[in-house]
């Protein structure tokens, strides 16, 4: 909210997954690097490898976040597949283009689809931002521009969560979901079940 108030909804400020000065996101998300340790030293002291594979889901959430909030999404090389690493220079490992595992391929596919989705929705390029729910493990916000509207949901808990979003004239709204799961339409709202450690995007089409 502070960023939007300062820069406006239609701005060109970068929203990043990481850079060469930071610990790799997957280093922290996969618990390979502790947030309270010296990440540069960790990169020299031990072989940093993924310990918690839920980190891929956390990264996919991050990618969906930077692709749907105001600003310009910037994906640090390797974050589109979930490369792991500690602090500089361990965060500058050579890019891998082959031999990707299932989760790396899935993350790459989601990143690509999110980029295409963003480019095809004016609300994500120019729309305002309205935060509908903000809790410890659940966040829901919407972006809208003219007749184009997108709702984004995040569930970082270990259990599925049902999200109810109020909408006027629901029967007249044709909506779809990013993951192609079913949407329950009601007279003045719709409901979606967001799986654990996941995101969902609902949009008008």
C-alpha atoms as a PDB file:
ATOM      1  CA  UNK A   1       0.000   0.000   0.000  1.00  0.00           C
ATOM      2  CA  UNK A   2       2.831   2.376   0.809  1.00  0.00           C
ATOM      3  CA  UNK A   3       4.484   1.662  -2.547  1.00  0.00           C
ATOM      4  CA  UNK A   4       1.233   2.255  -4.423  1.00  0.00           C
ATOM      5  CA  UNK A   5       0.578   5.489  -2.511  1.00  0.00           C
ATOM      6  CA  UNK A   6       4.086   6.725  -3.278  1.00  0.00           C
ATOM      7  CA  UNK A   7       4.653   5.504  -6.833  1.00  0.00           C
ATOM      8  CA  UNK A   8       1.063   5.052  -8.021  1.00  0.00           C
ATOM      9  CA  UNK A   9      -0.552   1.889  -9.395  1.00  0.00           C
ATOM     10  CA  UNK A  10       0.841   2.394 -12.883  1.00  0.00           C
ATOM     11  CA  UNK A  11       4.572   2.570 -12.177  1.00  0.00           C
ATOM     12  CA  UNK A  12       7.831   1.155 -13.530  1.00  0.00           C
ATOM     13  CA  UNK A  13       9.478   0.217 -10.240  1.00  0.00           C
ATOM     14  CA  UNK A  14      11.087  -3.220 -10.302  1.00  0.00           C
ATOM     15  CA  UNK A  15       9.580  -6.044  -8.237  1.00  0.00           C
ATOM     16  CA  UNK A  16      12.353  -8.632  -7.946  1.00  0.00           C
ATOM     17  CA  UNK A  17      12.763 -12.286  -7.040  1.00  0.00           C
ATOM     18  CA  UNK A  18      16.391 -11.619  -6.095  1.00  0.00           C
ATOM     19  CA  UNK A  19      19.735 -10.366  -7.359  1.00  0.00           C
ATOM     20  CA  UNK A  20      23.485 -10.986  -7.129  1.00  0.00           C
ATOM     21  CA  UNK A  21      23.699  -9.250  -3.726  1.00  0.00           C
ATOM     22  CA  UNK A  22      21.096 -11.457  -2.048  1.00  0.00           C
ATOM     23  CA  UNK A  23      20.885 -15.030  -0.847  1.00  0.00           C
ATOM     24  CA  UNK A  24      19.066 -17.073  -3.485  1.00  0.00           C
ATOM     25  CA  UNK A  25      15.349 -17.176  -2.732  1.00  0.00           C
ATOM     26  CA  UNK A  26      15.411 -20.980  -2.976  1.00  0.00           C
ATOM     27  CA  UNK A  27      18.307 -21.063  -0.536  1.00  0.00           C
ATOM     28  CA  UNK A  28      15.991 -19.645   2.108  1.00  0.00           C
ATOM     29  CA  UNK A  29      12.695 -21.129   0.880  1.00  0.00           C
ATOM     30  CA  UNK A  30      14.137 -24.660   0.827  1.00  0.00           C
ATOM     31  CA  UNK A  31      15.790 -24.152   4.253  1.00  0.00           C
ATOM     32  CA  UNK A  32      19.245 -24.763   2.795  1.00  0.00           C
ATOM     33  CA  UNK A  33      20.330 -21.426   4.274  1.00  0.00           C
ATOM     34  CA  UNK A  34      19.150 -20.137   7.630  1.00  0.00           C
ATOM     35  CA  UNK A  35      17.959 -16.517   7.678  1.00  0.00           C
ATOM     36  CA  UNK A  36      20.020 -15.844  10.821  1.00  0.00           C
ATOM     37  CA  UNK A  37      23.366 -17.040   9.438  1.00  0.00           C
ATOM     38  CA  UNK A  38      26.030 -15.370   7.302  1.00  0.00           C
ATOM     39  CA  UNK A  39      24.927 -16.558   3.862  1.00  0.00           C
ATOM     40  CA  UNK A  40      28.228 -15.714   2.184  1.00  0.00           C
ATOM     41  CA  UNK A  41      30.131 -17.800   4.702  1.00  0.00           C
ATOM     42  CA  UNK A  42      27.593 -20.605   4.332  1.00  0.00           C
ATOM     43  CA  UNK A  43      28.345 -20.788   0.612  1.00  0.00           C
ATOM     44  CA  UNK A  44      32.031 -21.416   1.351  1.00  0.00           C
ATOM     45  CA  UNK A  45      31.500 -23.667   4.374  1.00  0.00           C
ATOM     46  CA  UNK A  46      29.188 -26.278   2.850  1.00  0.00           C
ATOM     47  CA  UNK A  47      27.541 -27.517  -0.310  1.00  0.00           C
ATOM     48  CA  UNK A  48      24.226 -25.662  -0.439  1.00  0.00           C
ATOM     49  CA  UNK A  49      21.500 -27.998  -1.665  1.00  0.00           C
ATOM     50  CA  UNK A  50      17.707 -27.987  -1.389  1.00  0.00           C
ATOM     51  CA  UNK A  51      16.522 -29.484   1.898  1.00  0.00           C
ATOM     52  CA  UNK A  52      12.790 -28.747   1.823  1.00  0.00           C
ATOM     53  CA  UNK A  53      11.102 -29.322  -1.544  1.00  0.00           C
ATOM     54  CA  UNK A  54       8.159 -27.163  -0.479  1.00  0.00           C
ATOM     55  CA  UNK A  55      10.486 -24.342  -1.438  1.00  0.00           C
ATOM     56  CA  UNK A  56       9.368 -24.809  -5.040  1.00  0.00           C
ATOM     57  CA  UNK A  57       5.771 -24.015  -4.044  1.00  0.00           C
ATOM     58  CA  UNK A  58       6.992 -20.968  -2.135  1.00  0.00           C
ATOM     59  CA  UNK A  59       8.899 -19.823  -5.218  1.00  0.00           C
ATOM     60  CA  UNK A  60       5.845 -20.336  -7.423  1.00  0.00           C
ATOM     61  CA  UNK A  61       3.889 -18.146  -5.006  1.00  0.00           C
ATOM     62  CA  UNK A  62       6.584 -15.482  -5.245  1.00  0.00           C
ATOM     63  CA  UNK A  63       6.521 -15.589  -9.044  1.00  0.00           C
ATOM     64  CA  UNK A  64       2.739 -15.225  -9.090  1.00  0.00           C
ATOM     65  CA  UNK A  65       3.012 -12.315  -6.658  1.00  0.00           C
ATOM     66  CA  UNK A  66       5.545 -10.283  -8.648  1.00  0.00           C
ATOM     67  CA  UNK A  67       3.602 -10.933 -11.865  1.00  0.00           C
ATOM     68  CA  UNK A  68       0.313  -9.613 -10.435  1.00  0.00           C
ATOM     69  CA  UNK A  69       1.209  -6.588  -8.277  1.00  0.00           C
ATOM     70  CA  UNK A  70       1.900  -3.071  -9.624  1.00  0.00           C
ATOM     71  CA  UNK A  71       5.408  -2.539 -10.974  1.00  0.00           C
ATOM     72  CA  UNK A  72       7.699  -4.380 -13.368  1.00  0.00           C
ATOM     73  CA  UNK A  73       8.411  -8.049 -12.530  1.00  0.00           C
ATOM     74  CA  UNK A  74      12.112  -8.931 -12.588  1.00  0.00           C
ATOM     75  CA  UNK A  75      13.131 -12.593 -12.399  1.00  0.00           C
ATOM     76  CA  UNK A  76      16.768 -13.085 -11.436  1.00  0.00           C
ATOM     77  CA  UNK A  77      18.252 -15.715 -13.749  1.00  0.00           C
ATOM     78  CA  UNK A  78      17.722 -19.204 -12.385  1.00  0.00           C
ATOM     79  CA  UNK A  79      14.734 -18.211 -10.265  1.00  0.00           C
ATOM     80  CA  UNK A  80      12.444 -19.355 -13.085  1.00  0.00           C
ATOM     81  CA  UNK A  81      13.523 -22.939 -12.343  1.00  0.00           C
ATOM     82  CA  UNK A  82      14.367 -22.707  -8.645  1.00  0.00           C
ATOM     83  CA  UNK A  83      18.166 -22.631  -8.609  1.00  0.00           C
ATOM     84  CA  UNK A  84      19.510 -22.805  -5.071  1.00  0.00           C
ATOM     85  CA  UNK A  85      22.418 -20.837  -3.647  1.00  0.00           C
ATOM     86  CA  UNK A  86      23.708 -18.980  -0.629  1.00  0.00           C
ATOM     87  CA  UNK A  87      25.140 -15.442  -0.655  1.00  0.00           C
ATOM     88  CA  UNK A  88      27.566 -13.959  -3.178  1.00  0.00           C
ATOM     89  CA  UNK A  89      29.285 -15.672  -5.002  1.00  0.00           C
ATOM     90  CA  UNK A  90      27.274 -18.864  -4.477  1.00  0.00           C
ATOM     91  CA  UNK A  91      24.221 -17.073  -5.904  1.00  0.00           C
ATOM     92  CA  UNK A  92      26.008 -16.721  -9.275  1.00  0.00           C
ATOM     93  CA  UNK A  93      26.144 -20.386 -10.250  1.00  0.00           C
ATOM     94  CA  UNK A  94      26.091 -21.146 -14.003  1.00  0.00           C
ATOM     95  CA  UNK A  95      22.612 -21.248 -15.468  1.00  0.00           C
ATOM     96  CA  UNK A  96      21.208 -24.721 -16.070  1.00  0.00           C
ATOM     97  CA  UNK A  97      19.218 -25.319 -19.233  1.00  0.00           C
ATOM     98  CA  UNK A  98      19.131 -29.134 -19.304  1.00  0.00           C
ATOM     99  CA  UNK A  99      18.554 -32.004 -16.914  1.00  0.00           C
ATOM    100  CA  UNK A 100      15.820 -30.209 -14.980  1.00  0.00           C
ATOM    101  CA  UNK A 101      13.843 -32.236 -12.462  1.00  0.00           C
ATOM    102  CA  UNK A 102      10.026 -32.398 -12.350  1.00  0.00           C
ATOM    103  CA  UNK A 103       9.653 -29.501  -9.921  1.00  0.00           C
ATOM    104  CA  UNK A 104      12.076 -27.308 -11.859  1.00  0.00           C
ATOM    105  CA  UNK A 105      10.181 -27.933 -15.102  1.00  0.00           C
ATOM    106  CA  UNK A 106       6.881 -27.217 -13.346  1.00  0.00           C
ATOM    107  CA  UNK A 107       8.216 -23.938 -11.930  1.00  0.00           C
ATOM    108  CA  UNK A 108       9.577 -22.909 -15.331  1.00  0.00           C
ATOM    109  CA  UNK A 109       6.217 -23.667 -16.964  1.00  0.00           C
ATOM    110  CA  UNK A 110       4.309 -21.671 -14.335  1.00  0.00           C
ATOM    111  CA  UNK A 111       6.720 -18.733 -14.691  1.00  0.00           C
ATOM    112  CA  UNK A 112       6.244 -18.708 -18.459  1.00  0.00           C
ATOM    113  CA  UNK A 113       2.455 -18.956 -18.207  1.00  0.00           C
ATOM    114  CA  UNK A 114       2.344 -16.177 -15.607  1.00  0.00           C
ATOM    115  CA  UNK A 115       4.372 -13.881 -17.861  1.00  0.00           C
ATOM    116  CA  UNK A 116       1.991 -14.534 -20.745  1.00  0.00           C
ATOM    117  CA  UNK A 117      -1.017 -14.086 -18.469  1.00  0.00           C
ATOM    118  CA  UNK A 118       0.279 -10.728 -17.248  1.00  0.00           C
ATOM    119  CA  UNK A 119       0.883  -9.506 -20.790  1.00  0.00           C
ATOM    120  CA  UNK A 120      -2.689 -10.361 -21.812  1.00  0.00           C
ATOM    121  CA  UNK A 121      -4.455  -8.542 -18.956  1.00  0.00           C
ATOM    122  CA  UNK A 122      -4.619  -4.764 -18.921  1.00  0.00           C
ATOM    123  CA  UNK A 123      -5.576  -4.805 -15.251  1.00  0.00           C
ATOM    124  CA  UNK A 124      -2.159  -6.245 -14.360  1.00  0.00           C
ATOM    125  CA  UNK A 125      -0.392  -3.601 -16.450  1.00  0.00           C
ATOM    126  CA  UNK A 126      -2.397  -0.504 -15.532  1.00  0.00           C
ATOM    127  CA  UNK A 127      -5.005  -1.460 -12.936  1.00  0.00           C
ATOM    128  CA  UNK A 128      -5.455  -0.397  -9.345  1.00  0.00           C
ATOM    129  CA  UNK A 129      -4.836  -2.694  -6.372  1.00  0.00           C
ATOM    130  CA  UNK A 130      -7.395  -3.544  -3.708  1.00  0.00           C
ATOM    131  CA  UNK A 131      -6.423  -5.832  -0.825  1.00  0.00           C
ATOM    132  CA  UNK A 132      -9.526  -7.856   0.082  1.00  0.00           C
ATOM    133  CA  UNK A 133      -8.096 -10.164   2.764  1.00  0.00           C
ATOM    134  CA  UNK A 134      -4.779 -10.121   4.582  1.00  0.00           C
ATOM    135  CA  UNK A 135      -4.180 -12.711   7.264  1.00  0.00           C
ATOM    136  CA  UNK A 136      -1.252 -14.733   8.582  1.00  0.00           C
ATOM    137  CA  UNK A 137      -1.544 -17.446   5.932  1.00  0.00           C
ATOM    138  CA  UNK A 138      -4.112 -16.075   3.475  1.00  0.00           C
ATOM    139  CA  UNK A 139      -4.002 -13.069   1.169  1.00  0.00           C
ATOM    140  CA  UNK A 140      -6.492 -12.002  -1.482  1.00  0.00           C
ATOM    141  CA  UNK A 141      -6.310  -8.914  -3.670  1.00  0.00           C
ATOM    142  CA  UNK A 142      -7.841  -7.668  -6.884  1.00  0.00           C
ATOM    143  CA  UNK A 143      -6.666  -5.571  -9.816  1.00  0.00           C
ATOM    144  CA  UNK A 144      -9.019  -3.924 -12.247  1.00  0.00           C
ATOM    145  CA  UNK A 145      -8.881  -1.737 -15.340  1.00  0.00           C
ATOM    146  CA  UNK A 146     -12.090  -0.918 -17.213  1.00  0.00           C
ATOM    147  CA  UNK A 147     -13.854  -4.288 -17.753  1.00  0.00           C
ATOM    148  CA  UNK A 148     -10.776  -6.408 -17.064  1.00  0.00           C
ATOM    149  CA  UNK A 149     -10.566  -7.717 -13.510  1.00  0.00           C
ATOM    150  CA  UNK A 150      -8.259 -10.194 -11.796  1.00  0.00           C
ATOM    151  CA  UNK A 151      -8.418 -11.661  -8.282  1.00  0.00           C
ATOM    152  CA  UNK A 152      -5.301 -13.253  -6.775  1.00  0.00           C
ATOM    153  CA  UNK A 153      -5.358 -15.635  -3.788  1.00  0.00           C
ATOM    154  CA  UNK A 154      -2.459 -17.015  -1.737  1.00  0.00           C
ATOM    155  CA  UNK A 155      -2.690 -19.828   0.805  1.00  0.00           C
ATOM    156  CA  UNK A 156       0.581 -20.420   2.664  1.00  0.00           C
ATOM    157  CA  UNK A 157      -0.921 -22.776   5.249  1.00  0.00           C
ATOM    158  CA  UNK A 158      -0.662 -26.567   5.350  1.00  0.00           C
ATOM    159  CA  UNK A 159      -4.391 -27.002   4.647  1.00  0.00           C
ATOM    160  CA  UNK A 160      -6.770 -26.093   1.813  1.00  0.00           C
ATOM    161  CA  UNK A 161      -8.665 -22.840   2.275  1.00  0.00           C
ATOM    162  CA  UNK A 162     -11.985 -21.786   0.816  1.00  0.00           C
ATOM    163  CA  UNK A 163     -11.985 -18.191  -0.355  1.00  0.00           C
ATOM    164  CA  UNK A 164     -15.255 -16.328  -0.880  1.00  0.00           C
ATOM    165  CA  UNK A 165     -15.111 -13.174  -2.991  1.00  0.00           C
ATOM    166  CA  UNK A 166     -18.124 -10.839  -3.136  1.00  0.00           C
ATOM    167  CA  UNK A 167     -19.079  -9.772  -6.657  1.00  0.00           C
ATOM    168  CA  UNK A 168     -22.109  -7.903  -7.922  1.00  0.00           C
ATOM    169  CA  UNK A 169     -24.199  -9.421 -10.715  1.00  0.00           C
ATOM    170  CA  UNK A 170     -22.301 -12.717 -10.558  1.00  0.00           C
ATOM    171  CA  UNK A 171     -24.418 -14.536 -13.192  1.00  0.00           C
ATOM    172  CA  UNK A 172     -23.380 -11.897 -15.746  1.00  0.00           C
ATOM    173  CA  UNK A 173     -19.654 -12.347 -15.129  1.00  0.00           C
ATOM    174  CA  UNK A 174     -17.812 -14.962 -17.159  1.00  0.00           C
ATOM    175  CA  UNK A 175     -14.810 -16.017 -15.114  1.00  0.00           C
ATOM    176  CA  UNK A 176     -11.966 -18.511 -15.353  1.00  0.00           C
ATOM    177  CA  UNK A 177      -9.154 -19.659 -13.084  1.00  0.00           C
ATOM    178  CA  UNK A 178      -5.430 -19.805 -13.817  1.00  0.00           C
ATOM    179  CA  UNK A 179      -5.149 -23.472 -12.775  1.00  0.00           C
ATOM    180  CA  UNK A 180      -8.417 -24.327 -14.553  1.00  0.00           C
ATOM    181  CA  UNK A 181     -10.078 -25.593 -11.406  1.00  0.00           C
ATOM    182  CA  UNK A 182     -13.815 -25.255 -10.844  1.00  0.00           C
ATOM    183  CA  UNK A 183     -15.256 -22.019  -9.508  1.00  0.00           C
ATOM    184  CA  UNK A 184     -18.439 -22.110  -7.425  1.00  0.00           C
ATOM    185  CA  UNK A 185     -20.745 -19.287  -8.493  1.00  0.00           C
ATOM    186  CA  UNK A 186     -23.252 -17.826  -6.034  1.00  0.00           C
ATOM    187  CA  UNK A 187     -25.783 -14.964  -6.379  1.00  0.00           C
ATOM    188  CA  UNK A 188     -23.404 -12.237  -5.195  1.00  0.00           C
ATOM    189  CA  UNK A 189     -20.092 -14.006  -4.821  1.00  0.00           C
ATOM    190  CA  UNK A 190     -17.952 -16.881  -5.982  1.00  0.00           C
ATOM    191  CA  UNK A 191     -15.891 -19.394  -4.029  1.00  0.00           C
ATOM    192  CA  UNK A 192     -12.619 -21.125  -4.783  1.00  0.00           C
ATOM    193  CA  UNK A 193     -10.631 -23.726  -2.850  1.00  0.00           C
ATOM    194  CA  UNK A 194      -6.947 -22.794  -2.763  1.00  0.00           C
ATOM    195  CA  UNK A 195      -4.679 -25.816  -2.082  1.00  0.00           C
ATOM    196  CA  UNK A 196      -1.977 -25.683   0.629  1.00  0.00           C
ATOM    197  CA  UNK A 197       1.144 -23.621  -0.145  1.00  0.00           C
ATOM    198  CA  UNK A 198      -0.419 -22.479  -3.411  1.00  0.00           C
ATOM    199  CA  UNK A 199      -1.949 -19.591  -5.324  1.00  0.00           C
ATOM    200  CA  UNK A 200      -4.954 -19.169  -7.560  1.00  0.00           C
ATOM    201  CA  UNK A 201      -5.871 -16.440 -10.001  1.00  0.00           C
ATOM    202  CA  UNK A 202      -9.457 -15.749 -11.049  1.00  0.00           C
ATOM    203  CA  UNK A 203     -10.126 -13.501 -14.007  1.00  0.00           C
ATOM    204  CA  UNK A 204     -12.853 -12.151 -16.254  1.00  0.00           C
ATOM    205  CA  UNK A 205     -12.661 -13.197 -19.856  1.00  0.00           C
END
